[in-house]
Protein backbone atom coordinates (compact mmCIF):
# COMPACT_ATOMS: atom_id res chain seq x y z
CA MET A 1 -7.48 2.73 -11.65
CA THR A 2 -4.23 0.81 -11.17
CA ASP A 3 -4.34 -2.48 -9.29
CA LEU A 4 -2.33 -2.96 -6.14
CA PRO A 5 0.62 -5.34 -6.39
CA ASP A 6 0.33 -8.83 -4.96
CA VAL A 7 1.26 -7.80 -1.42
CA PRO A 8 2.97 -10.52 0.62
CA GLY A 9 0.90 -11.81 3.50
CA ALA A 10 -2.82 -12.16 4.02
CA PRO A 11 -2.81 -9.85 7.08
CA ALA A 12 -1.40 -7.02 4.96
CA ARG A 13 -3.98 -7.60 2.22
CA ARG A 14 -6.79 -7.57 4.80
CA ALA A 15 -5.43 -4.41 6.45
CA LEU A 16 -5.25 -2.57 3.14
CA ALA A 17 -8.74 -3.65 2.11
CA GLY A 18 -10.12 -2.73 5.53
CA ALA A 19 -8.64 0.75 5.19
CA GLY A 20 -10.23 1.19 1.76
CA ILE A 21 -6.92 0.93 -0.11
CA VAL A 22 -8.01 -0.94 -3.21
CA ASP A 23 -5.77 0.49 -5.93
CA LEU A 24 -2.61 2.56 -6.32
CA GLU A 25 -4.58 5.77 -6.59
CA SER A 26 -6.18 5.24 -3.19
CA LEU A 27 -2.81 4.18 -1.75
CA ALA A 28 -1.19 7.39 -3.01
CA ARG A 29 -3.65 9.42 -0.93
CA TRP A 30 -2.10 7.99 2.26
CA ARG A 31 1.07 8.97 4.09
CA GLU A 32 3.66 6.19 4.12
CA ALA A 33 3.85 6.18 7.93
CA ASP A 34 0.09 5.73 8.22
CA VAL A 35 0.07 2.73 5.89
CA ALA A 36 3.04 1.20 7.72
CA ALA A 37 1.15 1.63 11.01
CA LEU A 38 -1.77 -0.51 9.84
CA HIS A 39 -1.87 -3.76 11.79
CA GLY A 40 -0.55 -6.53 9.54
CA VAL A 41 1.44 -4.35 7.16
CA GLY A 42 5.11 -5.23 7.51
CA ARG A 43 8.39 -4.44 5.80
CA ARG A 44 7.89 -6.77 2.84
CA ALA A 45 4.46 -5.34 2.12
CA MET A 46 5.75 -1.77 2.39
CA THR A 47 8.60 -2.55 0.01
CA ALA A 48 6.17 -3.98 -2.55
CA LEU A 49 3.86 -0.97 -2.18
CA ARG A 50 6.69 1.58 -2.52
CA GLU A 51 8.02 -0.18 -5.62
CA ALA A 52 4.56 -0.34 -7.22
CA LEU A 53 3.95 3.36 -6.61
CA ASP A 54 7.38 4.23 -8.00
CA GLU A 55 6.87 2.13 -11.14
CA ALA A 56 3.55 3.90 -11.72
CA GLY A 57 5.15 7.32 -11.26
CA MET A 58 3.26 7.87 -8.04
CA ALA A 59 4.23 8.34 -4.39
CA PHE A 60 2.79 8.42 -0.90
CA GLN A 61 1.51 11.78 0.37
CA ASP A 62 4.00 13.92 2.24
């Protein structure tokens, strides 16, 4: 289990937690567009999430 990065903004953190995204492995099971569509998840949060997945050698689902 790989921790999520410190995502900017409390709304984004709440949206991810509410969707059950608690670590990079659970994030990688989502499509990028679906995560971006979560209420509260903005550009800065998506950038941080993309970078964290990339650094871990992971990616969003196609």
